[in-house]
Amino acid sequence: MKKHRESIVYRAGNYVVRLLRSELPADRLFHNVHHTINVVQGVVDIGRAEQVTPLEMEILMLAAWFHDTGHIETYARHEQVSEQLAAEWLEEQAYPPAQIREVLRCIRATTMPQQPADKMEQIICDADLYHLSFPTYDHFQELLREEWKLLLGIEMTDEEWRASNDAFLRQHHYWTAYGRTHLEARKDEVK
């Protein structure tokens, strides 16, 4: 029986949350269900502001749900595994191949350093770094700092970490009009 397309995003969310809760290594303190939900919410907020079509929103939300699922297997180049997991699941759902390619393209766009080629990629890239504009940014960064220590062996003093974050925030810019007008201003308040 073919599944109804209307609920594909809902089904994807359920699948990804269960997958991450059951298979994500405990050392993913930042790249976890909470980050994924933040990215999905970012896609919704930015996508609405950028007036994407319903199909574009569906593709973006699917990409947001799956963008970090590759962390269940690897840290480095996790986007490639995320694409594979998304493709397999979407094929099982009989999702159209052309739209699967679009989802995978959006997942690939989140690879750092980000270099989005069009509006769809810009939206997901801005959503992936949505947390930079949160009042709780410092808390997210501490989770990332501990994750890097556990997984990559990167240890920094408080001063080194602060300098690294300040440099990242100075170099970073949002890609979408919404990101530049709303998120950038909130990010500047956080700094």
N, C-alpha and C. Protein backbone atom coordinates (compact mmCIF):
# COMPACT_ATOMS: atom_id res chain seq x y z
N MET A 1 0.84 -1.18 0.00
CA MET A 1 0.00 0.00 0.00
C MET A 1 0.88 1.24 0.00
N LYS A 2 0.60 2.16 -0.90
CA LYS A 2 1.38 3.40 -1.00
C LYS A 2 0.98 4.35 0.13
N LYS A 3 1.97 4.90 0.79
CA LYS A 3 1.71 5.83 1.89
C LYS A 3 1.28 7.18 1.33
N HIS A 4 0.45 7.88 2.06
CA HIS A 4 -0.01 9.21 1.64
C HIS A 4 1.11 10.22 1.77
N ARG A 5 1.29 11.01 0.72
CA ARG A 5 2.36 12.01 0.69
C ARG A 5 2.15 13.12 1.69
N GLU A 6 0.89 13.43 2.02
CA GLU A 6 0.60 14.56 2.90
C GLU A 6 1.31 14.44 4.25
N SER A 7 1.49 13.23 4.70
CA SER A 7 2.06 13.05 6.04
C SER A 7 3.53 12.61 6.01
N ILE A 8 4.19 12.76 4.88
CA ILE A 8 5.58 12.30 4.77
C ILE A 8 6.49 13.01 5.77
N VAL A 9 6.30 14.29 5.99
CA VAL A 9 7.15 15.04 6.92
C VAL A 9 6.91 14.56 8.35
N TYR A 10 5.65 14.34 8.70
CA TYR A 10 5.31 13.83 10.03
C TYR A 10 5.94 12.45 10.25
N ARG A 11 5.80 11.58 9.27
CA ARG A 11 6.39 10.24 9.38
C ARG A 11 7.92 10.31 9.47
N ALA A 12 8.51 11.21 8.70
CA ALA A 12 9.97 11.37 8.74
C ALA A 12 10.41 11.82 10.12
N GLY A 13 9.69 12.77 10.69
CA GLY A 13 10.03 13.25 12.04
C GLY A 13 9.97 12.13 13.06
N ASN A 14 8.91 11.34 13.01
CA ASN A 14 8.80 10.20 13.94
C ASN A 14 9.95 9.22 13.75
N TYR A 15 10.24 8.92 12.50
CA TYR A 15 11.32 7.97 12.20
C TYR A 15 12.67 8.49 12.71
N VAL A 16 12.98 9.74 12.41
CA VAL A 16 14.29 10.30 12.78
C VAL A 16 14.42 10.42 14.29
N VAL A 17 13.39 10.86 14.97
CA VAL A 17 13.47 10.97 16.43
C VAL A 17 13.73 9.60 17.05
N ARG A 18 13.01 8.59 16.60
CA ARG A 18 13.24 7.22 17.12
C ARG A 18 14.65 6.74 16.79
N LEU A 19 15.09 7.00 15.55
CA LEU A 19 16.43 6.59 15.13
C LEU A 19 17.50 7.24 16.01
N LEU A 20 17.41 8.54 16.19
CA LEU A 20 18.42 9.25 16.98
C LEU A 20 18.36 8.83 18.45
N ARG A 21 17.17 8.64 18.99
CA ARG A 21 17.06 8.24 20.40
C ARG A 21 17.62 6.85 20.63
N SER A 22 17.51 5.96 19.64
CA SER A 22 17.96 4.59 19.86
C SER A 22 19.39 4.33 19.39
N GLU A 23 19.88 5.08 18.38
CA GLU A 23 21.17 4.73 17.80
C GLU A 23 22.25 5.81 17.89
N LEU A 24 21.90 7.01 18.26
CA LEU A 24 22.89 8.08 18.33
C LEU A 24 23.83 7.84 19.51
N PRO A 25 25.14 7.88 19.28
CA PRO A 25 26.07 7.70 20.39
C PRO A 25 25.87 8.76 21.47
N ALA A 26 26.09 8.38 22.69
CA ALA A 26 25.86 9.27 23.84
C ALA A 26 26.76 10.50 23.82
N ASP A 27 27.87 10.44 23.07
CA ASP A 27 28.79 11.58 23.06
C ASP A 27 28.37 12.69 22.09
N ARG A 28 27.22 12.54 21.44
CA ARG A 28 26.71 13.61 20.57
C ARG A 28 25.90 14.57 21.45
N LEU A 29 26.61 15.42 22.14
CA LEU A 29 25.98 16.33 23.08
C LEU A 29 25.32 17.52 22.38
N PHE A 30 25.84 17.90 21.22
CA PHE A 30 25.26 19.00 20.45
C PHE A 30 24.44 18.47 19.28
N HIS A 31 25.04 17.59 18.49
CA HIS A 31 24.36 17.05 17.30
C HIS A 31 23.42 15.93 17.73
N ASN A 32 22.22 16.32 18.15
CA ASN A 32 21.28 15.36 18.70
C ASN A 32 19.85 15.72 18.30
N VAL A 33 18.88 15.11 18.94
CA VAL A 33 17.47 15.36 18.62
C VAL A 33 17.12 16.83 18.79
N HIS A 34 17.63 17.46 19.84
CA HIS A 34 17.29 18.87 20.10
C HIS A 34 17.79 19.77 18.98
N HIS A 35 19.02 19.55 18.54
CA HIS A 35 19.56 20.33 17.42
C HIS A 35 18.71 20.09 16.17
N THR A 36 18.36 18.85 15.91
CA THR A 36 17.56 18.52 14.74
C THR A 36 16.22 19.26 14.77
N ILE A 37 15.55 19.25 15.91
CA ILE A 37 14.27 19.95 16.04
C ILE A 37 14.46 21.45 15.84
N ASN A 38 15.56 22.02 16.35
CA ASN A 38 15.84 23.43 16.13
C ASN A 38 16.00 23.73 14.63
N VAL A 39 16.65 22.84 13.91
CA VAL A 39 16.86 23.04 12.48
C VAL A 39 15.51 22.95 11.74
N VAL A 40 14.68 21.99 12.12
CA VAL A 40 13.36 21.88 11.51
C VAL A 40 12.57 23.17 11.76
N GLN A 41 12.59 23.67 12.99
CA GLN A 41 11.87 24.91 13.29
C GLN A 41 12.46 26.08 12.51
N GLY A 42 13.78 26.10 12.36
CA GLY A 42 14.41 27.14 11.57
C GLY A 42 13.96 27.10 10.12
N VAL A 43 13.86 25.91 9.56
CA VAL A 43 13.37 25.76 8.18
C VAL A 43 11.95 26.31 8.06
N VAL A 44 11.10 25.99 9.03
CA VAL A 44 9.72 26.47 9.00
C VAL A 44 9.69 28.00 9.05
N ASP A 45 10.40 28.59 10.01
CA ASP A 45 10.39 30.05 10.16
C ASP A 45 10.99 30.75 8.95
N ILE A 46 12.15 30.29 8.52
CA ILE A 46 12.84 30.94 7.40
C ILE A 46 12.09 30.67 6.10
N GLY A 47 11.64 29.45 5.90
CA GLY A 47 10.91 29.09 4.69
C GLY A 47 9.64 29.91 4.52
N ARG A 48 8.92 30.10 5.61
CA ARG A 48 7.71 30.94 5.54
C ARG A 48 8.07 32.37 5.15
N ALA A 49 9.08 32.91 5.81
CA ALA A 49 9.50 34.29 5.53
C ALA A 49 9.99 34.44 4.10
N GLU A 50 10.62 33.39 3.58
CA GLU A 50 11.14 33.43 2.21
C GLU A 50 10.09 33.00 1.18
N GLN A 51 8.89 32.70 1.67
CA GLN A 51 7.73 32.38 0.83
C GLN A 51 7.99 31.21 -0.13
N VAL A 52 8.49 30.12 0.44
CA VAL A 52 8.68 28.92 -0.38
C VAL A 52 7.34 28.28 -0.68
N THR A 53 7.30 27.48 -1.72
CA THR A 53 6.08 26.76 -2.08
C THR A 53 5.86 25.61 -1.08
N PRO A 54 4.66 25.06 -1.02
CA PRO A 54 4.43 23.91 -0.14
C PRO A 54 5.37 22.73 -0.45
N LEU A 55 5.64 22.46 -1.71
CA LEU A 55 6.55 21.37 -2.05
C LEU A 55 7.97 21.70 -1.60
N GLU A 56 8.42 22.92 -1.79
CA GLU A 56 9.75 23.32 -1.32
C GLU A 56 9.85 23.18 0.20
N MET A 57 8.78 23.57 0.91
CA MET A 57 8.78 23.43 2.37
C MET A 57 8.88 21.96 2.76
N GLU A 58 8.16 21.11 2.07
CA GLU A 58 8.21 19.68 2.36
C GLU A 58 9.63 19.15 2.17
N ILE A 59 10.26 19.50 1.06
CA ILE A 59 11.63 19.05 0.78
C ILE A 59 12.58 19.56 1.84
N LEU A 60 12.46 20.83 2.19
CA LEU A 60 13.34 21.42 3.21
C LEU A 60 13.15 20.77 4.57
N MET A 61 11.90 20.50 4.94
CA MET A 61 11.66 19.87 6.24
C MET A 61 12.20 18.44 6.26
N LEU A 62 12.05 17.72 5.17
CA LEU A 62 12.62 16.37 5.11
C LEU A 62 14.14 16.43 5.24
N ALA A 63 14.75 17.36 4.54
CA ALA A 63 16.21 17.51 4.63
C ALA A 63 16.62 17.89 6.05
N ALA A 64 15.86 18.76 6.69
CA ALA A 64 16.18 19.16 8.06
C ALA A 64 16.10 17.97 9.01
N TRP A 65 15.05 17.16 8.86
CA TRP A 65 14.94 15.99 9.74
C TRP A 65 16.13 15.05 9.57
N PHE A 66 16.56 14.85 8.34
CA PHE A 66 17.61 13.84 8.08
C PHE A 66 19.03 14.39 8.10
N HIS A 67 19.24 15.70 8.14
CA HIS A 67 20.56 16.28 7.84
C HIS A 67 21.69 15.78 8.74
N ASP A 68 21.41 15.41 9.97
CA ASP A 68 22.47 14.93 10.88
C ASP A 68 22.30 13.47 11.29
N THR A 69 21.43 12.73 10.62
CA THR A 69 21.23 11.33 10.99
C THR A 69 22.50 10.50 10.79
N GLY A 70 23.38 10.93 9.92
CA GLY A 70 24.63 10.22 9.69
C GLY A 70 25.51 10.13 10.93
N HIS A 71 25.22 10.96 11.93
CA HIS A 71 25.97 10.90 13.19
C HIS A 71 25.79 9.57 13.91
N ILE A 72 24.79 8.79 13.52
CA ILE A 72 24.66 7.48 14.16
C ILE A 72 25.81 6.56 13.77
N GLU A 73 26.50 6.89 12.65
CA GLU A 73 27.60 6.04 12.18
C GLU A 73 28.96 6.73 12.22
N THR A 74 28.99 8.04 11.99
CA THR A 74 30.28 8.72 11.87
C THR A 74 30.16 10.19 12.23
N TYR A 75 31.26 10.77 12.61
CA TYR A 75 31.27 12.22 12.88
C TYR A 75 31.73 12.96 11.63
N ALA A 76 32.91 12.57 11.14
CA ALA A 76 33.44 13.21 9.93
C ALA A 76 32.60 12.77 8.73
N ARG A 77 32.28 13.71 7.87
CA ARG A 77 31.52 13.44 6.64
C ARG A 77 30.19 12.74 6.91
N HIS A 78 29.58 13.09 8.03
CA HIS A 78 28.29 12.48 8.38
C HIS A 78 27.20 12.81 7.36
N GLU A 79 27.37 13.91 6.63
CA GLU A 79 26.35 14.29 5.65
C GLU A 79 26.15 13.21 4.59
N GLN A 80 27.24 12.54 4.21
CA GLN A 80 27.14 11.48 3.20
C GLN A 80 26.28 10.32 3.71
N VAL A 81 26.47 9.97 4.97
CA VAL A 81 25.66 8.90 5.56
C VAL A 81 24.22 9.39 5.72
N SER A 82 24.05 10.66 6.09
CA SER A 82 22.70 11.23 6.21
C SER A 82 21.96 11.14 4.88
N GLU A 83 22.65 11.45 3.80
CA GLU A 83 22.03 11.35 2.47
C GLU A 83 21.59 9.92 2.19
N GLN A 84 22.45 8.97 2.51
CA GLN A 84 22.15 7.55 2.27
C GLN A 84 20.93 7.11 3.08
N LEU A 85 20.90 7.49 4.36
CA LEU A 85 19.77 7.12 5.22
C LEU A 85 18.47 7.76 4.72
N ALA A 86 18.55 9.02 4.32
CA ALA A 86 17.37 9.71 3.80
C ALA A 86 16.89 9.04 2.52
N ALA A 87 17.81 8.76 1.61
CA ALA A 87 17.43 8.15 0.33
C ALA A 87 16.75 6.80 0.56
N GLU A 88 17.31 5.97 1.42
CA GLU A 88 16.74 4.65 1.68
C GLU A 88 15.33 4.77 2.25
N TRP A 89 15.17 5.63 3.24
CA TRP A 89 13.87 5.77 3.88
C TRP A 89 12.84 6.35 2.90
N LEU A 90 13.24 7.39 2.18
CA LEU A 90 12.31 8.03 1.24
C LEU A 90 11.91 7.08 0.10
N GLU A 91 12.84 6.26 -0.36
CA GLU A 91 12.51 5.27 -1.39
C GLU A 91 11.50 4.26 -0.85
N GLU A 92 11.68 3.84 0.41
CA GLU A 92 10.72 2.92 1.03
C GLU A 92 9.33 3.54 1.12
N GLN A 93 9.28 4.86 1.20
CA GLN A 93 8.01 5.58 1.28
C GLN A 93 7.43 5.89 -0.10
N ALA A 94 8.10 5.43 -1.14
CA ALA A 94 7.68 5.69 -2.52
C ALA A 94 7.65 7.18 -2.83
N TYR A 95 8.58 7.92 -2.23
CA TYR A 95 8.69 9.35 -2.49
C TYR A 95 9.29 9.54 -3.89
N PRO A 96 8.83 10.52 -4.64
CA PRO A 96 9.30 10.68 -6.03
C PRO A 96 10.82 10.88 -6.13
N PRO A 97 11.47 10.16 -7.05
CA PRO A 97 12.93 10.24 -7.19
C PRO A 97 13.47 11.66 -7.39
N ALA A 98 12.79 12.49 -8.16
CA ALA A 98 13.27 13.86 -8.39
C ALA A 98 13.27 14.66 -7.08
N GLN A 99 12.27 14.41 -6.24
CA GLN A 99 12.19 15.11 -4.97
C GLN A 99 13.21 14.55 -3.97
N ILE A 100 13.48 13.25 -4.05
CA ILE A 100 14.53 12.68 -3.21
C ILE A 100 15.86 13.36 -3.53
N ARG A 101 16.14 13.56 -4.81
CA ARG A 101 17.39 14.23 -5.21
C ARG A 101 17.47 15.64 -4.61
N GLU A 102 16.35 16.33 -4.55
CA GLU A 102 16.32 17.67 -3.96
C GLU A 102 16.58 17.62 -2.46
N VAL A 103 16.00 16.66 -1.78
CA VAL A 103 16.24 16.49 -0.34
C VAL A 103 17.73 16.24 -0.10
N LEU A 104 18.31 15.35 -0.88
CA LEU A 104 19.73 15.01 -0.71
C LEU A 104 20.62 16.20 -1.00
N ARG A 105 20.26 16.98 -2.00
CA ARG A 105 21.02 18.19 -2.34
C ARG A 105 21.00 19.18 -1.16
N CYS A 106 19.86 19.31 -0.52
CA CYS A 106 19.75 20.21 0.62
C CYS A 106 20.56 19.70 1.82
N ILE A 107 20.54 18.40 2.05
CA ILE A 107 21.36 17.82 3.13
C ILE A 107 22.84 18.12 2.84
N ARG A 108 23.27 17.88 1.62
CA ARG A 108 24.67 18.10 1.23
C ARG A 108 25.08 19.55 1.45
N ALA A 109 24.17 20.48 1.26
CA ALA A 109 24.47 21.90 1.41
C ALA A 109 24.86 22.29 2.83
N THR A 110 24.49 21.46 3.82
CA THR A 110 24.82 21.79 5.21
C THR A 110 26.28 21.48 5.56
N THR A 111 27.01 20.86 4.65
CA THR A 111 28.43 20.55 4.89
C THR A 111 29.20 21.85 5.11
N MET A 112 30.03 21.85 6.15
CA MET A 112 30.84 23.03 6.46
C MET A 112 32.15 22.97 5.68
N PRO A 113 32.66 24.09 5.16
CA PRO A 113 32.02 25.40 5.18
C PRO A 113 30.86 25.45 4.19
N GLN A 114 29.79 26.06 4.61
CA GLN A 114 28.60 26.13 3.79
C GLN A 114 28.83 27.01 2.55
N GLN A 115 28.30 26.53 1.43
CA GLN A 115 28.38 27.28 0.17
C GLN A 115 27.10 27.05 -0.63
N PRO A 116 25.97 27.55 -0.12
CA PRO A 116 24.70 27.28 -0.79
C PRO A 116 24.64 27.90 -2.18
N ALA A 117 24.02 27.16 -3.10
CA ALA A 117 23.96 27.58 -4.51
C ALA A 117 22.64 28.25 -4.88
N ASP A 118 21.59 28.07 -4.07
CA ASP A 118 20.30 28.66 -4.41
C ASP A 118 19.50 28.89 -3.13
N LYS A 119 18.27 29.39 -3.30
CA LYS A 119 17.46 29.75 -2.14
C LYS A 119 17.17 28.57 -1.22
N MET A 120 16.88 27.41 -1.78
CA MET A 120 16.61 26.23 -0.95
C MET A 120 17.81 25.90 -0.08
N GLU A 121 18.98 25.87 -0.69
CA GLU A 121 20.20 25.57 0.07
C GLU A 121 20.49 26.66 1.09
N GLN A 122 20.22 27.91 0.74
CA GLN A 122 20.43 29.01 1.68
C GLN A 122 19.53 28.85 2.91
N ILE A 123 18.30 28.45 2.69
CA ILE A 123 17.36 28.29 3.81
C ILE A 123 17.84 27.21 4.76
N ILE A 124 18.23 26.05 4.24
CA ILE A 124 18.65 24.98 5.16
C ILE A 124 19.97 25.32 5.84
N CYS A 125 20.85 26.02 5.14
CA CYS A 125 22.11 26.43 5.77
C CYS A 125 21.85 27.40 6.91
N ASP A 126 20.96 28.37 6.69
CA ASP A 126 20.62 29.30 7.77
C ASP A 126 19.94 28.57 8.92
N ALA A 127 19.08 27.62 8.61
CA ALA A 127 18.39 26.85 9.65
C ALA A 127 19.37 26.01 10.46
N ASP A 128 20.40 25.47 9.81
CA ASP A 128 21.39 24.64 10.50
C ASP A 128 22.17 25.46 11.53
N LEU A 129 22.29 26.74 11.29
CA LEU A 129 22.99 27.63 12.24
C LEU A 129 22.03 28.61 12.90
N TYR A 130 20.79 28.24 12.93
CA TYR A 130 19.72 29.03 13.56
C TYR A 130 20.06 29.35 15.01
N HIS A 131 20.68 28.38 15.70
CA HIS A 131 20.99 28.53 17.12
C HIS A 131 21.96 29.68 17.41
N LEU A 132 22.69 30.15 16.40
CA LEU A 132 23.61 31.27 16.62
C LEU A 132 22.85 32.52 17.07
N SER A 133 21.56 32.58 16.75
CA SER A 133 20.76 33.75 17.10
C SER A 133 19.96 33.55 18.39
N PHE A 134 20.13 32.42 19.05
CA PHE A 134 19.37 32.13 20.27
C PHE A 134 20.00 32.82 21.48
N PRO A 135 19.18 33.27 22.41
CA PRO A 135 19.74 33.79 23.67
C PRO A 135 20.53 32.73 24.42
N THR A 136 20.27 31.46 24.13
CA THR A 136 20.97 30.34 24.79
C THR A 136 22.19 29.88 23.99
N TYR A 137 22.65 30.69 23.07
CA TYR A 137 23.78 30.34 22.21
C TYR A 137 24.97 29.81 23.01
N ASP A 138 25.34 30.49 24.09
CA ASP A 138 26.50 30.07 24.89
C ASP A 138 26.36 28.64 25.39
N HIS A 139 25.15 28.25 25.75
CA HIS A 139 24.92 26.89 26.25
C HIS A 139 25.10 25.85 25.13
N PHE A 140 24.61 26.20 23.95
CA PHE A 140 24.81 25.29 22.80
C PHE A 140 26.29 25.16 22.50
N GLN A 141 27.02 26.26 22.59
CA GLN A 141 28.45 26.22 22.29
C GLN A 141 29.21 25.39 23.31
N GLU A 142 28.79 25.41 24.54
CA GLU A 142 29.45 24.56 25.55
C GLU A 142 29.21 23.08 25.26
N LEU A 143 28.03 22.75 24.77
CA LEU A 143 27.76 21.37 24.37
C LEU A 143 28.65 20.97 23.20
N LEU A 144 28.80 21.87 22.24
CA LEU A 144 29.66 21.60 21.09
C LEU A 144 31.12 21.47 21.54
N ARG A 145 31.53 22.31 22.45
CA ARG A 145 32.90 22.26 22.97
C ARG A 145 33.19 20.89 23.60
N GLU A 146 32.26 20.42 24.41
CA GLU A 146 32.44 19.11 25.07
C GLU A 146 32.39 17.98 24.04
N GLU A 147 31.53 18.11 23.04
CA GLU A 147 31.45 17.11 21.99
C GLU A 147 32.78 17.02 21.24
N TRP A 148 33.36 18.16 20.88
CA TRP A 148 34.65 18.17 20.20
C TRP A 148 35.74 17.55 21.07
N LYS A 149 35.70 17.81 22.36
CA LYS A 149 36.69 17.23 23.28
C LYS A 149 36.57 15.71 23.29
N LEU A 150 35.34 15.22 23.41
CA LEU A 150 35.12 13.77 23.49
C LEU A 150 35.43 13.05 22.18
N LEU A 151 35.02 13.65 21.06
CA LEU A 151 35.10 12.97 19.78
C LEU A 151 36.36 13.27 18.99
N LEU A 152 36.83 14.49 19.09
CA LEU A 152 37.96 14.92 18.25
C LEU A 152 39.24 15.17 19.05
N GLY A 153 39.12 15.09 20.36
CA GLY A 153 40.30 15.34 21.20
C GLY A 153 40.72 16.80 21.21
N ILE A 154 39.82 17.69 20.84
CA ILE A 154 40.14 19.12 20.81
C ILE A 154 39.80 19.72 22.17
N GLU A 155 40.83 20.16 22.85
CA GLU A 155 40.64 20.82 24.14
C GLU A 155 41.16 22.24 24.03
N MET A 156 40.35 23.19 24.47
CA MET A 156 40.74 24.60 24.44
C MET A 156 40.51 25.21 25.80
N THR A 157 41.36 26.15 26.12
CA THR A 157 41.12 26.93 27.33
C THR A 157 39.89 27.79 27.10
N ASP A 158 39.36 28.36 28.15
CA ASP A 158 38.21 29.25 28.00
C ASP A 158 38.52 30.41 27.06
N GLU A 159 39.72 30.94 27.17
CA GLU A 159 40.12 32.06 26.32
C GLU A 159 40.23 31.63 24.85
N GLU A 160 40.82 30.45 24.61
CA GLU A 160 40.93 29.94 23.23
C GLU A 160 39.55 29.67 22.64
N TRP A 161 38.68 29.09 23.45
CA TRP A 161 37.33 28.79 22.97
C TRP A 161 36.57 30.07 22.64
N ARG A 162 36.67 31.06 23.53
CA ARG A 162 36.00 32.34 23.30
C ARG A 162 36.52 33.00 22.03
N ALA A 163 37.84 32.99 21.85
CA ALA A 163 38.44 33.59 20.65
C ALA A 163 38.00 32.84 19.39
N SER A 164 37.95 31.53 19.46
CA SER A 164 37.52 30.72 18.32
C SER A 164 36.06 31.03 17.96
N ASN A 165 35.21 31.11 18.97
CA ASN A 165 33.80 31.42 18.74
C ASN A 165 33.61 32.83 18.21
N ASP A 166 34.33 33.76 18.77
CA ASP A 166 34.24 35.16 18.29
C ASP A 166 34.64 35.24 16.82
N ALA A 167 35.71 34.54 16.46
CA ALA A 167 36.17 34.55 15.06
C ALA A 167 35.11 33.92 14.15
N PHE A 168 34.51 32.81 14.60
CA PHE A 168 33.47 32.16 13.80
C PHE A 168 32.28 33.09 13.61
N LEU A 169 31.84 33.73 14.69
CA LEU A 169 30.69 34.63 14.60
C LEU A 169 30.98 35.83 13.70
N ARG A 170 32.20 36.34 13.73
CA ARG A 170 32.56 37.47 12.86
C ARG A 170 32.57 37.04 11.39
N GLN A 171 33.03 35.84 11.10
CA GLN A 171 33.11 35.36 9.72
C GLN A 171 31.75 34.89 9.20
N HIS A 172 30.92 34.40 10.08
CA HIS A 172 29.64 33.84 9.67
C HIS A 172 28.69 34.94 9.21
N HIS A 173 27.91 34.62 8.19
CA HIS A 173 26.80 35.48 7.80
C HIS A 173 25.66 34.58 7.33
N TYR A 174 24.47 35.04 7.58
CA TYR A 174 23.29 34.32 7.10
C TYR A 174 23.10 34.62 5.62
N TRP A 175 22.52 33.68 4.91
CA TRP A 175 22.40 33.75 3.46
C TRP A 175 21.08 34.34 2.99
N THR A 176 20.00 34.03 3.68
CA THR A 176 18.68 34.47 3.25
C THR A 176 18.41 35.91 3.68
N ALA A 177 17.42 36.53 3.03
CA ALA A 177 17.01 37.88 3.43
C ALA A 177 16.52 37.87 4.88
N TYR A 178 15.74 36.85 5.25
CA TYR A 178 15.26 36.74 6.63
C TYR A 178 16.44 36.59 7.59
N GLY A 179 17.40 35.78 7.21
CA GLY A 179 18.58 35.60 8.06
C GLY A 179 19.33 36.90 8.26
N ARG A 180 19.49 37.64 7.18
CA ARG A 180 20.24 38.91 7.28
C ARG A 180 19.49 39.96 8.09
N THR A 181 18.16 40.00 7.96
CA THR A 181 17.41 41.05 8.65
C THR A 181 17.01 40.67 10.07
N HIS A 182 16.70 39.40 10.32
CA HIS A 182 16.22 38.99 11.64
C HIS A 182 17.26 38.23 12.46
N LEU A 183 17.82 37.19 11.87
CA LEU A 183 18.73 36.34 12.64
C LEU A 183 20.06 37.03 12.92
N GLU A 184 20.57 37.76 11.95
CA GLU A 184 21.85 38.46 12.13
C GLU A 184 21.76 39.46 13.27
N ALA A 185 20.64 40.19 13.34
CA ALA A 185 20.45 41.17 14.41
C ALA A 185 20.40 40.47 15.77
N ARG A 186 19.70 39.35 15.83
CA ARG A 186 19.63 38.59 17.10
C ARG A 186 21.00 38.01 17.43
N LYS A 187 21.73 37.56 16.42
CA LYS A 187 23.08 37.02 16.64
C LYS A 187 23.98 38.10 17.22
N ASP A 188 23.87 39.32 16.68
CA ASP A 188 24.70 40.42 17.17
C ASP A 188 24.39 40.72 18.63
N GLU A 189 23.15 40.56 19.05
CA GLU A 189 22.79 40.76 20.47
C GLU A 189 23.44 39.71 21.35
N VAL A 190 23.60 38.50 20.82
CA VAL A 190 24.17 37.39 21.57
C VAL A 190 25.66 37.60 21.82
N LYS A 191 26.35 38.17 20.81
CA LYS A 191 27.81 38.30 20.87
C LYS A 191 28.29 39.07 22.09
